[in-house]
């Protein structure tokens, strides 16, 4: 076999190994995600133990004189 053929065989082997590793890792990640519960907002009912949203503060009224400091 010529050098070019060995290089092509080596590249093909790397591609096949990389594809196999990617498929195995993808399958492992999907299996892990199925086992673990999602964030509370994805669970029905909002999840248990979620904190109540904080109330918003009222905006401060505008200051007379455009809000500038009256001191010189």
Protein backbone atom coordinates (compact mmCIF):
# COMPACT_ATOMS: atom_id res chain seq x y z
CA UNK A 1 0.00 0.00 0.00
CA UNK A 2 1.13 3.48 -0.72
CA UNK A 3 1.56 6.22 1.87
CA UNK A 4 -1.56 8.02 0.67
CA UNK A 5 -3.63 4.90 1.16
CA UNK A 6 -2.35 4.48 4.75
CA UNK A 7 -3.20 8.10 5.51
CA UNK A 8 -6.73 7.61 4.16
CA UNK A 9 -7.18 4.41 6.16
CA UNK A 10 -5.97 6.21 9.29
CA UNK A 11 -8.38 9.10 8.72
CA UNK A 12 -11.27 6.71 8.14
CA UNK A 13 -10.41 4.86 11.37
CA UNK A 14 -10.37 8.17 13.34
CA UNK A 15 -13.73 9.13 11.87
CA UNK A 16 -15.26 5.77 12.80
CA UNK A 17 -13.86 5.85 16.34
CA UNK A 18 -15.02 9.46 16.82
CA UNK A 19 -18.49 8.60 15.58
CA UNK A 20 -18.73 5.61 17.92
CA UNK A 21 -17.58 7.68 20.91
CA UNK A 22 -20.05 10.45 20.09
CA UNK A 23 -22.94 7.98 19.84
CA UNK A 24 -22.04 6.29 23.13
CA UNK A 25 -21.63 9.60 24.97
CA UNK A 26 -24.90 10.91 23.56
CA UNK A 27 -26.73 7.80 24.71
CA UNK A 28 -25.18 8.05 28.20
CA UNK A 29 -26.18 11.70 28.52
CA UNK A 30 -29.76 10.98 27.44
CA UNK A 31 -30.02 8.11 29.95
CA UNK A 32 -28.67 10.35 32.74
CA UNK A 33 -31.16 13.11 31.87
CA UNK A 34 -34.05 10.66 32.06
CA UNK A 35 -33.04 9.61 35.57
CA UNK A 36 -32.64 13.07 37.07
CA UNK A 37 -35.64 15.33 37.68
CA UNK A 38 -35.74 18.58 35.77
CA UNK A 39 -35.78 22.08 37.23
CA UNK A 40 -38.89 22.94 39.30
CA UNK A 41 -40.44 25.05 36.51
CA UNK A 42 -40.54 21.95 34.25
CA UNK A 43 -42.32 19.83 36.83
CA UNK A 44 -46.12 19.91 36.98
CA UNK A 45 -47.41 22.24 39.67
CA UNK A 46 -44.22 24.30 39.76
CA UNK A 47 -42.38 21.83 41.98
CA UNK A 48 -42.32 21.62 45.73
CA UNK A 49 -40.54 24.06 47.96
CA UNK A 50 -40.32 26.82 45.39
CA UNK A 51 -39.99 30.28 46.82
CA UNK A 52 -42.82 32.74 46.34
CA UNK A 53 -41.99 35.59 43.99
CA UNK A 54 -40.87 38.76 45.73
CA UNK A 55 -43.30 41.67 45.48
CA UNK A 56 -42.15 44.60 43.40
CA UNK A 57 -41.48 47.89 45.11
CA UNK A 58 -43.45 50.93 44.04
CA UNK A 59 -41.50 53.41 41.96
CA UNK A 60 -40.43 56.55 43.76
CA UNK A 61 -42.39 59.66 42.78
CA UNK A 62 -40.49 62.19 40.68
CA UNK A 63 -38.70 64.93 42.60
CA UNK A 64 -39.75 68.54 42.12
CA UNK A 65 -37.34 70.41 39.88
CA UNK A 66 -36.61 67.44 37.65
CA UNK A 67 -34.96 65.35 40.36
CA UNK A 68 -31.87 67.58 40.55
CA UNK A 69 -30.28 68.46 43.85
CA UNK A 70 -31.52 71.99 44.80
CA UNK A 71 -28.27 72.74 46.63
CA UNK A 72 -25.74 74.84 44.68
